[in-house]
């Protein structure tokens, strides 16, 4: 619970004498009050917590050692002492929050199982330039207390590279709201950086961009921006953010921003576009086609593109492109087409290892028990084969 780097200051001879004198002259209760006052004065808040517990133990007439086992206490004191622990933890936690000592405060609120006070404090926290925000990031993001705040602090304080690393290194599949928030903010930040640098480049060439000119307009009108393998932003950042954007739900505002990034990326020299596996082997052309499906821009044409890739890859025994294609159909609510594609490309596949719903799952959603039976038979799953036949019959 305690940070070893937060060691209490040594007890000075004068402070020790005051405690001993208070005990001798006025008794244990007065000495406990003196101890509490000393801990407040020195802002030793972990010590204050234990001093408050010692004070309560003196009041209860039990062993004064606050670190002693609960079995030291008579049963009739347990409830009152448990209440005292919670009150002391809340009191000390509030004192620490008032001083923005979030990591130490969290140790108390975590012990109490009461995250709301620190969550509210983090929500209101506006860091000063000299603040060390890492403890806040650790509590907010790594402990999951306020992950959007943790992400914002990383992006705003440490920049795109650190924020991209944070998101790409985390499994956000179970928290789509957080994922979409982070990806959209990353796309906006990179988009703003790119637009500013394109304008600066054009101004330096004596051809300033028109007021309100978009990224697509600038790159279409000025192919010279890409001469001699030129680029304007970190190409690894560009690739990462565009790929993350494919996880956004259909119609999400971040998709339009990511499309602009793709329009820029497809103009880069081939060596700067990276090397991706099918169905994204054509890099930004493929990512742009995928994003176009998500916003419904000529979706049928772009879906044909991914279907053809799935078929080509399936001929050599590779199904990843098909899984991407099926996921795209599912995301855009084309369930019957997704089931047909799964029957065509994934029948007999172990569905536990797929990144998309398999035949059985899609058939279950569609109520197609015949397809469920076919999938089970192809997998050699006799139990689900018979279960599907019974369901179809009944």
Protein backbone atom coordinates (compact mmCIF):
# COMPACT_ATOMS: atom_id res chain seq x y z
CA UNK A 1 0.00 0.00 0.00
CA UNK A 2 2.85 2.40 0.75
CA UNK A 3 5.44 3.81 -1.61
CA UNK A 4 8.93 2.99 -0.29
CA UNK A 5 10.12 6.31 -1.70
CA UNK A 6 7.63 8.11 0.53
CA UNK A 7 9.47 7.28 3.75
CA UNK A 8 8.41 9.30 6.84
CA UNK A 9 10.81 11.90 8.24
CA UNK A 10 12.78 10.82 11.32
CA UNK A 11 11.22 11.53 14.69
CA UNK A 12 13.15 14.45 16.14
CA UNK A 13 14.23 14.44 19.80
CA UNK A 14 11.91 17.39 20.49
CA UNK A 15 8.90 15.62 18.97
CA UNK A 16 9.68 12.43 20.87
CA UNK A 17 9.95 14.43 24.10
CA UNK A 18 6.56 16.11 23.48
CA UNK A 19 4.90 12.73 23.02
CA UNK A 20 6.53 11.28 26.13
CA UNK A 21 5.67 14.37 28.19
CA UNK A 22 2.04 14.32 27.03
CA UNK A 23 1.75 10.66 28.01
CA UNK A 24 3.30 11.24 31.43
CA UNK A 25 1.35 14.40 32.26
CA UNK A 26 -2.04 13.83 30.65
CA UNK A 27 -2.32 10.15 29.73
CA UNK A 28 -2.64 8.00 26.58
CA UNK A 29 -5.56 9.91 25.01
CA UNK A 30 -3.74 13.23 25.21
CA UNK A 31 -0.56 11.64 23.88
CA UNK A 32 -2.53 10.21 20.94
CA UNK A 33 -3.89 13.70 20.20
CA UNK A 34 -0.33 15.03 20.31
CA UNK A 35 0.74 12.33 17.84
CA UNK A 36 -2.11 13.20 15.45
CA UNK A 37 -1.16 16.89 15.64
CA UNK A 38 2.49 16.04 14.96
CA UNK A 39 1.59 14.00 11.86
CA UNK A 40 -0.53 16.83 10.51
CA UNK A 41 2.18 19.38 11.15
CA UNK A 42 4.81 17.33 9.32
CA UNK A 43 2.32 16.31 6.57
CA UNK A 44 3.16 12.67 7.20
CA UNK A 45 -0.19 11.41 5.97
CA UNK A 46 0.52 7.70 6.07
CA UNK A 47 1.63 8.29 9.63
CA UNK A 48 -1.55 10.29 10.26
CA UNK A 49 -3.67 7.33 9.17
CA UNK A 50 -1.99 5.08 11.70
CA UNK A 51 -2.04 7.78 14.37
CA UNK A 52 -5.83 8.05 14.00
CA UNK A 53 -6.11 4.28 14.38
CA UNK A 54 -3.88 4.34 17.47
CA UNK A 55 -6.12 7.05 18.92
CA UNK A 56 -9.20 4.89 18.30
CA UNK A 57 -7.54 1.86 19.90
CA UNK A 58 -6.75 3.91 22.98
CA UNK A 59 -10.40 4.99 23.13
CA UNK A 60 -11.47 1.35 22.87
CA UNK A 61 -9.05 0.30 25.58
CA UNK A 62 -7.31 -2.32 23.44
CA UNK A 63 -3.74 -2.87 22.22
CA UNK A 64 -2.49 0.48 20.85
CA UNK A 65 -0.55 -1.02 17.95
CA UNK A 66 -2.55 -0.23 14.76
CA UNK A 67 -0.70 -2.84 12.72
CA UNK A 68 -1.65 -5.64 15.08
CA UNK A 69 -3.94 -8.46 13.92
CA UNK A 70 -7.69 -8.15 14.19
CA UNK A 71 -7.67 -11.08 16.60
CA UNK A 72 -6.10 -8.69 19.16
CA UNK A 73 -9.43 -6.90 19.42
CA UNK A 74 -12.41 -8.14 21.40
CA UNK A 75 -15.33 -9.08 19.12
CA UNK A 76 -17.56 -6.26 20.42
CA UNK A 77 -15.06 -3.66 19.15
CA UNK A 78 -14.74 -4.97 15.60
CA UNK A 79 -17.55 -2.98 13.98
CA UNK A 80 -16.56 0.31 15.63
CA UNK A 81 -12.92 -0.15 14.73
CA UNK A 82 -13.74 -1.03 11.11
CA UNK A 83 -15.74 2.19 10.92
CA UNK A 84 -12.74 4.08 12.33
CA UNK A 85 -10.49 2.58 9.64
CA UNK A 86 -12.80 3.77 6.89
CA UNK A 87 -13.15 7.24 8.38
CA UNK A 88 -9.39 7.57 8.81
CA UNK A 89 -8.79 6.40 5.23
CA UNK A 90 -11.34 8.88 3.84
CA UNK A 91 -9.92 11.71 5.93
CA UNK A 92 -6.32 11.09 4.91
CA UNK A 93 -7.29 10.45 1.29
CA UNK A 94 -9.08 13.80 1.16
CA UNK A 95 -6.07 15.58 2.67
CA UNK A 96 -3.83 14.04 0.01
CA UNK A 97 -6.22 14.90 -2.81
CA UNK A 98 -6.29 18.52 -1.64
CA UNK A 99 -2.52 18.54 -2.19
CA UNK A 100 -2.80 16.73 -5.57
CA UNK A 101 -0.83 13.78 -4.21
CA UNK A 102 -2.93 11.42 -6.29
CA UNK A 103 -0.82 8.26 -6.08
CA UNK A 104 -0.78 8.31 -2.27
CA UNK A 105 -4.48 9.19 -2.11
CA UNK A 106 -5.30 6.30 -4.44
CA UNK A 107 -3.63 3.84 -2.07
CA UNK A 108 -6.23 4.73 0.57
CA UNK A 109 -9.28 4.89 -1.67
CA UNK A 110 -8.26 1.62 -3.31
CA UNK A 111 -7.97 0.03 0.13
CA UNK A 112 -11.48 1.26 0.94
CA UNK A 113 -12.92 0.23 -2.41
CA UNK A 114 -14.17 3.80 -2.92
CA UNK A 115 -12.80 5.16 -6.22
CA UNK A 116 -15.30 7.97 -6.76
CA UNK A 117 -13.54 10.77 -4.80
CA UNK A 118 -10.29 10.28 -6.68
CA UNK A 119 -12.11 9.86 -9.98
CA UNK A 120 -13.82 13.21 -9.42
CA UNK A 121 -10.49 14.83 -8.48
CA UNK A 122 -8.82 13.46 -11.61
CA UNK A 123 -11.68 14.72 -13.76
CA UNK A 124 -11.16 18.24 -12.42
CA UNK A 125 -7.37 18.10 -12.55
CA UNK A 126 -5.70 20.60 -14.90
CA UNK A 127 -1.95 20.03 -14.70
CA UNK A 128 0.50 22.87 -14.43
CA UNK A 129 3.48 22.85 -16.77
CA UNK A 130 5.84 21.70 -14.01
CA UNK A 131 3.56 18.91 -12.74
CA UNK A 132 4.71 15.30 -12.97
CA UNK A 133 1.66 13.78 -14.63
CA UNK A 134 2.91 10.20 -14.74
CA UNK A 135 1.30 9.19 -11.40
CA UNK A 136 -2.02 10.52 -12.69
CA UNK A 137 -1.62 8.66 -15.98
CA UNK A 138 -0.87 5.44 -14.10
CA UNK A 139 -3.99 5.73 -11.96
CA UNK A 140 -6.26 6.98 -14.73
CA UNK A 141 -5.15 4.67 -17.56
CA UNK A 142 -3.35 1.65 -16.12
CA UNK A 143 -5.72 1.27 -13.18
CA UNK A 144 -8.69 2.05 -15.42
CA UNK A 145 -10.05 4.76 -13.14
CA UNK A 146 -10.45 7.44 -15.82
CA UNK A 147 -8.77 6.13 -18.98
CA UNK A 148 -9.83 8.96 -21.28
CA UNK A 149 -8.15 11.44 -18.92
CA UNK A 150 -5.01 9.30 -18.84
CA UNK A 151 -4.92 9.17 -22.63
CA UNK A 152 -5.47 12.93 -22.92
CA UNK A 153 -2.59 13.62 -20.56
CA UNK A 154 -0.25 11.41 -22.60
CA UNK A 155 -1.27 12.93 -25.94
CA UNK A 156 -1.26 16.54 -24.73
CA UNK A 157 1.88 16.31 -22.60
CA UNK A 158 4.04 13.67 -24.32
CA UNK A 159 2.80 13.82 -27.91
CA UNK A 160 1.60 11.55 -30.68
CA UNK A 161 4.35 8.95 -30.50
CA UNK A 162 3.71 8.13 -26.83
CA UNK A 163 -0.07 8.19 -27.30
CA UNK A 164 0.08 5.85 -30.30
CA UNK A 165 2.32 3.48 -28.36
CA UNK A 166 -0.12 3.54 -25.43
CA UNK A 167 -3.15 2.69 -27.57
CA UNK A 168 -1.45 0.13 -29.81
CA UNK A 169 -0.03 -1.63 -26.76
CA UNK A 170 -3.43 -1.95 -25.06
CA UNK A 171 -6.28 -4.35 -25.74
CA UNK A 172 -9.26 -2.01 -26.10
CA UNK A 173 -11.52 -4.56 -27.81
CA UNK A 174 -13.67 -4.86 -24.69
CA UNK A 175 -14.04 -1.09 -24.38
CA UNK A 176 -15.08 0.18 -27.82
CA UNK A 177 -16.11 3.58 -26.48
CA UNK A 178 -12.60 4.21 -25.15
CA UNK A 179 -11.03 2.79 -28.32
CA UNK A 180 -13.10 5.06 -30.55
CA UNK A 181 -12.33 8.09 -28.36
CA UNK A 182 -8.58 7.47 -28.49
CA UNK A 183 -8.44 6.67 -32.20
CA UNK A 184 -10.51 9.73 -33.09
CA UNK A 185 -8.30 12.02 -31.01
CA UNK A 186 -5.17 10.53 -32.57
CA UNK A 187 -6.58 11.02 -36.06
CA UNK A 188 -7.53 14.63 -35.31
CA UNK A 189 -4.13 15.42 -33.83
CA UNK A 190 -2.24 13.89 -36.75
CA UNK A 191 -4.60 15.55 -39.26
CA UNK A 192 -4.00 18.98 -37.69
CA UNK A 193 -0.23 18.41 -37.69
CA UNK A 194 -0.25 17.36 -41.34
CA UNK A 195 -2.44 20.26 -42.47
CA UNK A 196 -0.18 22.77 -40.72
CA UNK A 197 2.99 21.31 -42.24
CA UNK A 198 1.52 21.20 -45.74
CA UNK A 199 0.55 24.86 -45.45
CA UNK A 200 4.03 25.74 -44.20
CA UNK A 201 5.63 23.84 -47.08
CA UNK A 202 3.43 25.54 -49.67
CA UNK A 203 4.05 28.96 -48.16
CA UNK A 204 7.78 28.31 -48.35
CA UNK A 205 7.41 27.50 -52.04
CA UNK A 206 5.66 30.78 -52.68
CA UNK A 207 2.34 29.03 -53.35
CA UNK A 208 0.34 29.51 -50.13
CA UNK A 209 -2.76 27.37 -49.79
CA UNK A 210 -6.14 29.02 -50.12
CA UNK A 211 -8.03 29.82 -46.94
CA UNK A 212 -9.83 26.68 -45.79
CA UNK A 213 -8.08 24.39 -48.28
CA UNK A 214 -8.38 20.75 -47.24
CA UNK A 215 -5.61 18.19 -47.19
CA UNK A 216 -7.02 16.41 -50.29
CA UNK A 217 -7.24 19.75 -52.11
CA UNK A 218 -3.66 20.68 -51.25
CA UNK A 219 -2.11 17.37 -52.27
CA UNK A 220 -4.16 17.07 -55.45
CA UNK A 221 -3.22 20.57 -56.56
CA UNK A 222 0.47 20.32 -55.62
CA UNK A 223 2.13 17.02 -56.61
CA UNK A 224 5.47 18.78 -56.10
CA UNK A 225 4.92 18.33 -52.36
CA UNK A 226 6.03 14.71 -52.80
CA UNK A 227 9.05 15.27 -55.04
CA UNK A 228 12.27 13.49 -54.08
CA UNK A 229 10.43 11.11 -51.72
CA UNK A 230 9.35 14.00 -49.50
CA UNK A 231 7.03 13.51 -46.54
CA UNK A 232 5.63 15.85 -43.90
CA UNK A 233 4.82 13.70 -40.89
CA UNK A 234 6.24 10.55 -39.35
CA UNK A 235 5.15 7.83 -41.77
CA UNK A 236 4.95 5.21 -39.00
CA UNK A 237 2.50 7.46 -37.14
CA UNK A 238 0.47 7.85 -40.33
CA UNK A 239 0.31 4.11 -40.92
CA UNK A 240 -0.58 3.31 -37.30
CA UNK A 241 -3.38 5.83 -37.04
CA UNK A 242 -4.95 4.88 -40.38
CA UNK A 243 -4.92 1.21 -39.43
CA UNK A 244 -6.48 2.02 -36.05
CA UNK A 245 -9.20 4.00 -37.84
CA UNK A 246 -10.42 0.81 -39.55
CA UNK A 247 -11.66 -0.26 -36.11
CA UNK A 248 -14.07 2.68 -35.89
CA UNK A 249 -17.80 1.96 -36.28
CA UNK A 250 -19.59 2.95 -39.50
CA UNK A 251 -20.27 6.66 -39.74
CA UNK A 252 -17.90 7.65 -36.90
CA UNK A 253 -16.59 11.21 -37.37
CA UNK A 254 -12.99 10.02 -37.14
CA UNK A 255 -13.41 8.10 -40.40
CA UNK A 256 -13.62 11.26 -42.53
CA UNK A 257 -10.43 12.54 -40.90
CA UNK A 258 -8.67 9.23 -41.54
CA UNK A 259 -9.78 9.32 -45.18
CA UNK A 260 -7.89 12.60 -45.61
CA UNK A 261 -4.83 10.92 -44.13
CA UNK A 262 -5.19 8.10 -46.68
CA UNK A 263 -5.45 10.57 -49.55
CA UNK A 264 -2.13 11.99 -48.40
CA UNK A 265 -0.58 8.58 -47.74
CA UNK A 266 -1.35 7.20 -51.19
CA UNK A 267 0.72 10.04 -52.70
CA UNK A 268 3.84 9.05 -50.78
CA UNK A 269 6.65 7.23 -52.53
CA UNK A 270 6.04 3.44 -52.45
CA UNK A 271 8.98 2.91 -50.11
CA UNK A 272 7.35 5.20 -47.54
CA UNK A 273 3.98 3.46 -47.54
CA UNK A 274 5.08 0.36 -45.67
CA UNK A 275 4.46 -3.30 -46.42
CA UNK A 276 1.13 -4.76 -45.37
CA UNK A 277 -0.39 -8.19 -45.80
CA UNK A 278 -3.47 -8.81 -47.94
CA UNK A 279 -6.06 -7.43 -48.09
CA UNK A 280 -4.09 -4.22 -47.41
CA UNK A 281 -1.09 -4.93 -49.62
CA UNK A 282 -1.93 -1.85 -51.70
CA UNK A 283 -1.52 0.18 -48.54
CA UNK A 284 -3.41 3.49 -48.43
CA UNK A 285 -5.51 2.66 -51.48
CA UNK A 286 -6.86 -0.35 -49.58
CA UNK A 287 -7.30 1.50 -46.30
CA UNK A 288 -9.17 4.26 -48.11
CA UNK A 289 -11.44 1.71 -49.80
CA UNK A 290 -12.15 0.11 -46.40
CA UNK A 291 -13.00 3.46 -44.82
CA UNK A 292 -15.20 4.35 -47.79
CA UNK A 293 -17.31 1.26 -47.09
CA UNK A 294 -17.70 2.36 -43.47
CA UNK A 295 -19.19 5.69 -44.51
CA UNK A 296 -21.17 4.25 -47.42
CA UNK A 297 -19.18 5.94 -50.19
CA UNK A 298 -19.51 3.70 -53.27
CA UNK A 299 -19.60 0.77 -50.84
CA UNK A 300 -20.60 -1.92 -53.36
CA UNK A 301 -17.58 -1.23 -55.56
CA UNK A 302 -15.16 -1.30 -52.64
CA UNK A 303 -16.69 -4.46 -51.19
CA UNK A 304 -16.06 -6.15 -54.54
CA UNK A 305 -12.42 -5.17 -54.14
CA UNK A 306 -12.16 -6.99 -50.80
CA UNK A 307 -14.19 -9.98 -52.01
CA UNK A 308 -11.76 -10.44 -54.90
CA UNK A 309 -8.79 -10.28 -52.52
CA UNK A 310 -10.45 -12.84 -50.24
CA UNK A 311 -11.03 -15.21 -53.16
CA UNK A 312 -7.48 -14.81 -54.45
CA UNK A 313 -5.95 -15.51 -51.04
CA UNK A 314 -8.29 -18.45 -50.38
CA UNK A 315 -6.94 -20.17 -53.50
CA UNK A 316 -3.55 -20.46 -51.77
CA UNK A 317 -5.05 -21.50 -48.44
CA UNK A 318 -4.90 -18.10 -46.69
CA UNK A 319 -8.10 -16.86 -45.05
CA UNK A 320 -7.05 -13.64 -43.31
CA UNK A 321 -8.28 -11.48 -46.21
CA UNK A 322 -11.60 -13.31 -46.08
CA UNK A 323 -11.89 -12.67 -42.37
CA UNK A 324 -11.30 -8.95 -42.90
CA UNK A 325 -13.91 -8.95 -45.66
CA UNK A 326 -16.47 -10.77 -43.50
CA UNK A 327 -15.85 -8.40 -40.59
CA UNK A 328 -16.46 -5.47 -42.92
CA UNK A 329 -19.76 -7.01 -44.03
CA UNK A 330 -20.78 -7.57 -40.41
CA UNK A 331 -19.80 -4.03 -39.35
CA UNK A 332 -21.96 -2.59 -42.14
CA UNK A 333 -24.91 -4.83 -41.23
CA UNK A 334 -24.74 -7.08 -44.30
CA UNK A 335 -25.29 -10.28 -42.32
CA UNK A 336 -26.68 -12.44 -45.12
CA UNK A 337 -23.70 -11.56 -47.33
CA UNK A 338 -21.36 -12.22 -44.42
CA UNK A 339 -22.86 -15.69 -43.89
CA UNK A 340 -22.55 -16.49 -47.59
CA UNK A 341 -18.90 -15.38 -47.56
CA UNK A 342 -18.18 -17.40 -44.43
CA UNK A 343 -19.69 -20.52 -46.04
CA UNK A 344 -17.56 -19.89 -49.10
CA UNK A 345 -14.24 -19.16 -47.41
CA UNK A 346 -14.32 -20.40 -43.81
CA UNK A 347 -16.37 -23.59 -43.72
CA UNK A 348 -14.53 -26.08 -41.53
CA UNK A 349 -12.25 -23.45 -39.94
CA UNK A 350 -11.71 -23.52 -36.17
CA UNK A 351 -13.80 -20.51 -35.22
CA UNK A 352 -11.86 -19.95 -31.99
CA UNK A 353 -8.92 -18.68 -34.04
CA UNK A 354 -10.80 -16.29 -36.32
CA UNK A 355 -10.89 -12.49 -36.06
CA UNK A 356 -14.43 -12.49 -37.45
CA UNK A 357 -17.62 -14.43 -36.68
CA UNK A 358 -17.48 -17.87 -38.29
CA UNK A 359 -20.16 -19.83 -40.08
CA UNK A 360 -21.71 -21.17 -36.88
CA UNK A 361 -21.99 -17.78 -35.22
CA UNK A 362 -23.35 -16.05 -38.31
CA UNK A 363 -25.79 -18.91 -38.90
CA UNK A 364 -26.91 -18.65 -35.27
CA UNK A 365 -27.56 -14.93 -35.69
CA UNK A 366 -29.51 -15.62 -38.87
CA UNK A 367 -31.39 -18.60 -37.40
CA UNK A 368 -30.04 -20.79 -40.22
CA UNK A 369 -29.78 -24.20 -38.53
CA UNK A 370 -28.93 -25.94 -41.80
CA UNK A 371 -25.82 -23.79 -42.12
CA UNK A 372 -24.99 -24.50 -38.49
CA UNK A 373 -25.23 -28.23 -39.16
CA UNK A 374 -23.03 -27.96 -42.25
CA UNK A 375 -20.39 -26.04 -40.31
CA UNK A 376 -20.44 -28.55 -37.47
CA UNK A 377 -20.13 -31.47 -39.89
CA UNK A 378 -17.17 -29.82 -41.64
CA UNK A 379 -15.46 -29.39 -38.26
CA UNK A 380 -16.20 -32.96 -37.19
CA UNK A 381 -18.33 -31.65 -34.31
CA UNK A 382 -20.93 -34.38 -33.87
CA UNK A 383 -22.61 -32.78 -30.85
CA UNK A 384 -23.36 -29.45 -32.53
CA UNK A 385 -24.19 -31.23 -35.78
CA UNK A 386 -26.99 -33.16 -34.10
CA UNK A 387 -28.05 -30.13 -32.03
CA UNK A 388 -28.41 -28.13 -35.25
CA UNK A 389 -30.45 -30.87 -36.92
CA UNK A 390 -32.75 -31.06 -33.92
CA UNK A 391 -33.15 -27.28 -33.86
CA UNK A 392 -33.92 -27.26 -37.59
CA UNK A 393 -36.55 -29.94 -37.10
CA UNK A 394 -38.21 -28.38 -34.11
